[in-house]
C-alpha atoms as a PDB file:
ATOM      1  CA  MET A   1       0.000   0.000   0.000  1.00  0.00           C
ATOM      2  CA  ARG A   2       1.171   3.547  -0.724  1.00  0.00           C
ATOM      3  CA  ILE A   3       0.629   5.931   2.164  1.00  0.00           C
ATOM      4  CA  CYS A   4       1.187   9.684   2.339  1.00  0.00           C
ATOM      5  CA  PHE A   5       1.472  10.753   5.970  1.00  0.00           C
ATOM      6  CA  VAL A   6       1.260  14.492   6.709  1.00  0.00           C
ATOM      7  CA  SER A   7       1.753  15.824  10.204  1.00  0.00           C
ATOM      8  CA  SER A   8       2.462  19.089  11.986  1.00  0.00           C
ATOM      9  CA  GLU A   9       4.748  17.159  14.382  1.00  0.00           C
ATOM     10  CA  LEU A  10       7.207  14.272  14.074  1.00  0.00           C
ATOM     11  CA  ALA A  11       9.488  13.123  16.898  1.00  0.00           C
ATOM     12  CA  PRO A  12      12.391  13.675  17.308  1.00  0.00           C
ATOM     13  CA  PHE A  13      12.392  16.580  14.823  1.00  0.00           C
ATOM     14  CA  ALA A  14       9.380  18.588  16.000  1.00  0.00           C
ATOM     15  CA  LYS A  15       7.399  17.538  19.043  1.00  0.00           C
ATOM     16  CA  ALA A  16       5.048  19.467  21.311  1.00  0.00           C
ATOM     17  CA  GLY A  17       3.226  16.447  22.758  1.00  0.00           C
ATOM     18  CA  GLY A  18       1.928  12.983  21.996  1.00  0.00           C
ATOM     19  CA  LEU A  19       1.148  13.770  18.363  1.00  0.00           C
ATOM     20  CA  GLY A  20       4.874  13.867  17.573  1.00  0.00           C
ATOM     21  CA  ASP A  21       5.384  10.403  19.071  1.00  0.00           C
ATOM     22  CA  VAL A  22       2.441   8.835  17.234  1.00  0.00           C
ATOM     23  CA  SER A  23       3.390  10.574  13.985  1.00  0.00           C
ATOM     24  CA  ALA A  24       6.815   8.912  14.165  1.00  0.00           C
ATOM     25  CA  ALA A  25       5.714   5.483  15.392  1.00  0.00           C
ATOM     26  CA  LEU A  26       2.896   4.815  12.927  1.00  0.00           C
ATOM     27  CA  PRO A  27       4.800   5.556   9.678  1.00  0.00           C
ATOM     28  CA  ARG A  28       7.857   3.693  11.045  1.00  0.00           C
ATOM     29  CA  TYR A  29       5.688   0.640  11.752  1.00  0.00           C
ATOM     30  CA  LEU A  30       3.892   0.773   8.391  1.00  0.00           C
ATOM     31  CA  HIS A  31       7.194   1.206   6.531  1.00  0.00           C
ATOM     32  CA  GLY A  32       8.673  -1.735   8.462  1.00  0.00           C
ATOM     33  CA  ALA A  33       5.654  -3.810   7.413  1.00  0.00           C
ATOM     34  CA  GLY A  34       6.556  -3.224   3.756  1.00  0.00           C
ATOM     35  CA  HIS A  35       4.326  -0.292   2.839  1.00  0.00           C
ATOM     36  CA  ASP A  36       5.557   2.622   0.708  1.00  0.00           C
ATOM     37  CA  VAL A  37       5.209   5.505   3.191  1.00  0.00           C
ATOM     38  CA  ARG A  38       5.990   9.166   2.460  1.00  0.00           C
ATOM     39  CA  VAL A  39       6.051  11.473   5.492  1.00  0.00           C
ATOM     40  CA  PHE A  40       5.754  15.257   5.116  1.00  0.00           C
ATOM     41  CA  VAL A  41       6.245  17.765   7.945  1.00  0.00           C
ATOM     42  CA  PRO A  42       7.079  21.481   8.151  1.00  0.00           C
ATOM     43  CA  PHE A  43      10.761  22.426   8.227  1.00  0.00           C
ATOM     44  CA  TYR A  44      10.490  24.329  11.498  1.00  0.00           C
ATOM     45  CA  ALA A  45      13.468  26.316  12.785  1.00  0.00           C
ATOM     46  CA  ARG A  46      14.184  23.614  15.388  1.00  0.00           C
ATOM     47  CA  VAL A  47      14.413  20.855  12.753  1.00  0.00           C
ATOM     48  CA  ALA A  48      17.808  22.142  11.594  1.00  0.00           C
ATOM     49  CA  ALA A  49      19.625  20.955  14.716  1.00  0.00           C
ATOM     50  CA  PRO A  50      23.417  20.559  14.754  1.00  0.00           C
ATOM     51  CA  GLY A  51      24.501  17.168  13.444  1.00  0.00           C
ATOM     52  CA  ARG A  52      21.335  16.631  11.406  1.00  0.00           C
ATOM     53  CA  GLU A  53      22.072  16.145   7.745  1.00  0.00           C
ATOM     54  CA  MET A  54      19.331  17.406   5.461  1.00  0.00           C
ATOM     55  CA  VAL A  55      19.492  16.758   1.732  1.00  0.00           C
ATOM     56  CA  ALA A  56      17.731  19.088  -0.693  1.00  0.00           C
ATOM     57  CA  VAL A  57      15.301  17.399  -3.069  1.00  0.00           C
ATOM     58  CA  ASP A  58      16.885  19.047  -6.085  1.00  0.00           C
ATOM     59  CA  PHE A  59      13.847  19.026  -8.365  1.00  0.00           C
ATOM     60  CA  ILE A  60      11.566  20.586  -5.711  1.00  0.00           C
ATOM     61  CA  GLN A  61      13.223  23.879  -4.813  1.00  0.00           C
ATOM     62  CA  ASN A  62      11.678  27.342  -4.624  1.00  0.00           C
ATOM     63  CA  VAL A  63       8.318  26.188  -6.001  1.00  0.00           C
ATOM     64  CA  PRO A  64       5.575  28.875  -5.948  1.00  0.00           C
ATOM     65  CA  VAL A  65       2.176  28.119  -4.419  1.00  0.00           C
ATOM     66  CA  ARG A  66      -0.648  30.646  -4.554  1.00  0.00           C
ATOM     67  CA  MET A  67      -3.042  30.721  -1.595  1.00  0.00           C
ATOM     68  CA  GLY A  68      -5.652  33.445  -1.616  1.00  0.00           C
ATOM     69  CA  PRO A  69      -3.916  36.752  -2.319  1.00  0.00           C
ATOM     70  CA  HIS A  70      -0.492  35.390  -1.273  1.00  0.00           C
ATOM     71  CA  THR A  71       2.216  33.499  -3.103  1.00  0.00           C
ATOM     72  CA  TYR A  72       4.599  31.395  -1.040  1.00  0.00           C
ATOM     73  CA  HIS A  73       7.673  29.526  -2.221  1.00  0.00           C
ATOM     74  CA  PHE A  74       8.607  26.161  -0.764  1.00  0.00           C
ATOM     75  CA  SER A  75      11.423  23.657  -1.062  1.00  0.00           C
ATOM     76  CA  LEU A  76      11.693  20.041   0.061  1.00  0.00           C
ATOM     77  CA  PHE A  77      14.498  18.546   2.119  1.00  0.00           C
ATOM     78  CA  THR A  78      14.830  14.978   3.286  1.00  0.00           C
ATOM     79  CA  THR A  79      16.554  12.834   5.876  1.00  0.00           C
ATOM     80  CA  GLN A  80      15.892   9.443   7.396  1.00  0.00           C
ATOM     81  CA  LEU A  81      13.791   8.976  10.492  1.00  0.00           C
ATOM     82  CA  PRO A  82      16.228   7.839  13.216  1.00  0.00           C
ATOM     83  CA  ASN A  83      16.410   4.063  13.751  1.00  0.00           C
ATOM     84  CA  SER A  84      14.630   3.493  10.456  1.00  0.00           C
ATOM     85  CA  THR A  85      15.123   3.392   6.706  1.00  0.00           C
ATOM     86  CA  LEU A  86      12.082   5.661   6.289  1.00  0.00           C
ATOM     87  CA  TRP A  87      12.748   8.956   4.513  1.00  0.00           C
ATOM     88  CA  VAL A  88      11.007  12.055   5.847  1.00  0.00           C
ATOM     89  CA  TYR A  89      10.299  15.091   3.652  1.00  0.00           C
ATOM     90  CA  PHE A  90      10.506  18.538   5.234  1.00  0.00           C
ATOM     91  CA  VAL A  91       8.611  21.422   3.669  1.00  0.00           C
ATOM     92  CA  GLN A  92      10.680  24.575   3.930  1.00  0.00           C
ATOM     93  CA  CYS A  93       8.902  27.898   3.636  1.00  0.00           C
ATOM     94  CA  GLU A  94      10.744  30.415   5.773  1.00  0.00           C
ATOM     95  CA  PRO A  95       7.950  33.023   6.020  1.00  0.00           C
ATOM     96  CA  LEU A  96       5.672  30.379   7.562  1.00  0.00           C
ATOM     97  CA  TYR A  97       7.892  27.866   9.381  1.00  0.00           C
ATOM     98  CA  ALA A  98      11.089  29.677  10.477  1.00  0.00           C
ATOM     99  CA  ARG A  99       9.674  30.581  13.884  1.00  0.00           C
ATOM    100  CA  PRO A 100      10.936  29.588  17.326  1.00  0.00           C
ATOM    101  CA  GLU A 101       7.718  27.740  18.272  1.00  0.00           C
ATOM    102  CA  LEU A 102       5.780  25.003  16.472  1.00  0.00           C
ATOM    103  CA  TYR A 103       2.439  26.686  17.069  1.00  0.00           C
ATOM    104  CA  THR A 104       1.786  30.402  17.340  1.00  0.00           C
ATOM    105  CA  SER A 105      -1.053  32.883  17.637  1.00  0.00           C
ATOM    106  CA  ASP A 106       0.159  34.740  14.579  1.00  0.00           C
ATOM    107  CA  VAL A 107      -2.455  36.043  12.171  1.00  0.00           C
ATOM    108  CA  ASP A 108      -1.214  33.670   9.440  1.00  0.00           C
ATOM    109  CA  GLU A 109      -1.195  30.507  11.576  1.00  0.00           C
ATOM    110  CA  HIS A 110      -3.872  28.895   9.417  1.00  0.00           C
ATOM    111  CA  MET A 111      -1.776  29.516   6.292  1.00  0.00           C
ATOM    112  CA  ARG A 112       1.077  27.461   7.739  1.00  0.00           C
ATOM    113  CA  PHE A 113      -1.020  24.318   7.614  1.00  0.00           C
ATOM    114  CA  CYS A 114      -2.990  25.179   4.500  1.00  0.00           C
ATOM    115  CA  LEU A 115       0.363  25.205   2.713  1.00  0.00           C
ATOM    116  CA  LEU A 116       0.948  21.574   3.698  1.00  0.00           C
ATOM    117  CA  THR A 117      -2.349  20.422   2.203  1.00  0.00           C
ATOM    118  CA  GLN A 118      -1.711  22.403  -0.978  1.00  0.00           C
ATOM    119  CA  ILE A 119       1.752  20.884  -1.369  1.00  0.00           C
ATOM    120  CA  ILE A 120       0.537  17.341  -0.791  1.00  0.00           C
ATOM    121  CA  GLY A 121      -2.225  17.823  -3.348  1.00  0.00           C
ATOM    122  CA  ARG A 122       0.317  19.115  -5.842  1.00  0.00           C
ATOM    123  CA  HIS A 123       2.749  16.258  -5.039  1.00  0.00           C
ATOM    124  CA  LYS A 124      -0.011  13.699  -5.476  1.00  0.00           C
ATOM    125  CA  ARG A 125      -1.011  15.119  -8.866  1.00  0.00           C
ATOM    126  CA  SER A 126       2.569  15.430 -10.137  1.00  0.00           C
ATOM    127  CA  CYS A 127       3.403  11.891  -9.066  1.00  0.00           C
ATOM    128  CA  SER A 128       0.042  10.356  -9.974  1.00  0.00           C
ATOM    129  CA  ARG A 129       1.465   7.863 -12.447  1.00  0.00           C
ATOM    130  CA  LYS A 130       4.342   6.802 -10.228  1.00  0.00           C
ATOM    131  CA  LEU A 131       2.814   7.236  -6.795  1.00  0.00           C
ATOM    132  CA  ASN A 132      -0.930   6.869  -6.580  1.00  0.00           C
ATOM    133  CA  TYR A 133      -1.566   6.992  -2.839  1.00  0.00           C
ATOM    134  CA  ASN A 134      -4.044   4.514  -1.429  1.00  0.00           C
ATOM    135  CA  VAL A 135      -4.224   6.446   1.837  1.00  0.00           C
ATOM    136  CA  ILE A 136      -3.581  10.057   2.747  1.00  0.00           C
ATOM    137  CA  GLU A 137      -3.304  10.384   6.496  1.00  0.00           C
ATOM    138  CA  ARG A 138      -3.317  13.913   7.885  1.00  0.00           C
ATOM    139  CA  HIS A 139      -2.447  14.781  11.458  1.00  0.00           C
ATOM    140  CA  LEU A 140      -2.534  18.543  11.590  1.00  0.00           C
ATOM    141  CA  VAL A 141      -3.324  20.794  14.466  1.00  0.00           C
ATOM    142  CA  ILE A 142      -5.209  23.645  12.819  1.00  0.00           C
ATOM    143  CA  GLU A 143      -6.426  25.615  15.795  1.00  0.00           C
ATOM    144  CA  ARG A 144      -6.943  28.797  13.799  1.00  0.00           C
ATOM    145  CA  LEU A 145      -9.333  27.145  11.344  1.00  0.00           C
ATOM    146  CA  ALA A 146     -11.488  25.976  14.234  1.00  0.00           C
ATOM    147  CA  ARG A 147     -12.031  29.564  15.396  1.00  0.00           C
ATOM    148  CA  PRO A 148     -15.006  31.653  14.328  1.00  0.00           C
ATOM    149  CA  GLU A 149     -14.873  33.080  10.789  1.00  0.00           C
ATOM    150  CA  SER A 150     -14.243  36.553  12.238  1.00  0.00           C
ATOM    151  CA  ALA A 151     -10.829  35.396  13.543  1.00  0.00           C
ATOM    152  CA  ILE A 152      -9.586  34.720  10.005  1.00  0.00           C
ATOM    153  CA  PRO A 153      -8.355  37.806   8.122  1.00  0.00           C
ATOM    154  CA  ALA A 154     -10.804  39.045   5.492  1.00  0.00           C
ATOM    155  CA  ASP A 155      -8.402  38.346   2.621  1.00  0.00           C
ATOM    156  CA  HIS A 156      -8.237  34.674   3.676  1.00  0.00           C
ATOM    157  CA  ALA A 157     -11.930  34.098   4.387  1.00  0.00           C
ATOM    158  CA  GLY A 158     -13.300  31.220   2.356  1.00  0.00           C
ATOM    159  CA  LEU A 159      -9.862  29.759   1.627  1.00  0.00           C
ATOM    160  CA  ASP A 160     -10.369  26.008   1.372  1.00  0.00           C
ATOM    161  CA  CYS A 161      -7.367  24.263   2.865  1.00  0.00           C
ATOM    162  CA  THR A 162      -8.575  20.810   1.880  1.00  0.00           C
ATOM    163  CA  ALA A 163      -9.309  21.519  -1.786  1.00  0.00           C
ATOM    164  CA  ALA A 164      -6.027  20.027  -2.928  1.00  0.00           C
ATOM    165  CA  LEU A 165      -6.922  16.632  -1.552  1.00  0.00           C
END
């Protein structure tokens, strides 16, 4: 089975609680059981720890993604999940992920996780012949999207963060 696993946390790279542990254990187990698992997480500032070797995915660098009135550029980097042969893909977009904390109360918090769904939708379409996912598993904490509509800036109102999937 081909599985795309998207999470806002992945231990030991980015962990605020139990989600990071589960998001590492489940893909590791499924990969060990012979499934083709692709894991995508944000390239937070804390991911680039000393001694961690990240490799740029050379054909996915500085790719533009339009979301509402904004255009963001992202790149992919990869490294193996420790104690595993599973490769993890990190989505780098400095305006959204280069912050000291995993979760913030910033006005664009919802955009940080909308970007992940847009990228996965684009990745799925571009790889559709080679990698037709049977399962897309999302584990995102999208607190801002759960707030009343008035909490989302007017220029982002109505932005569908799941349209790509």
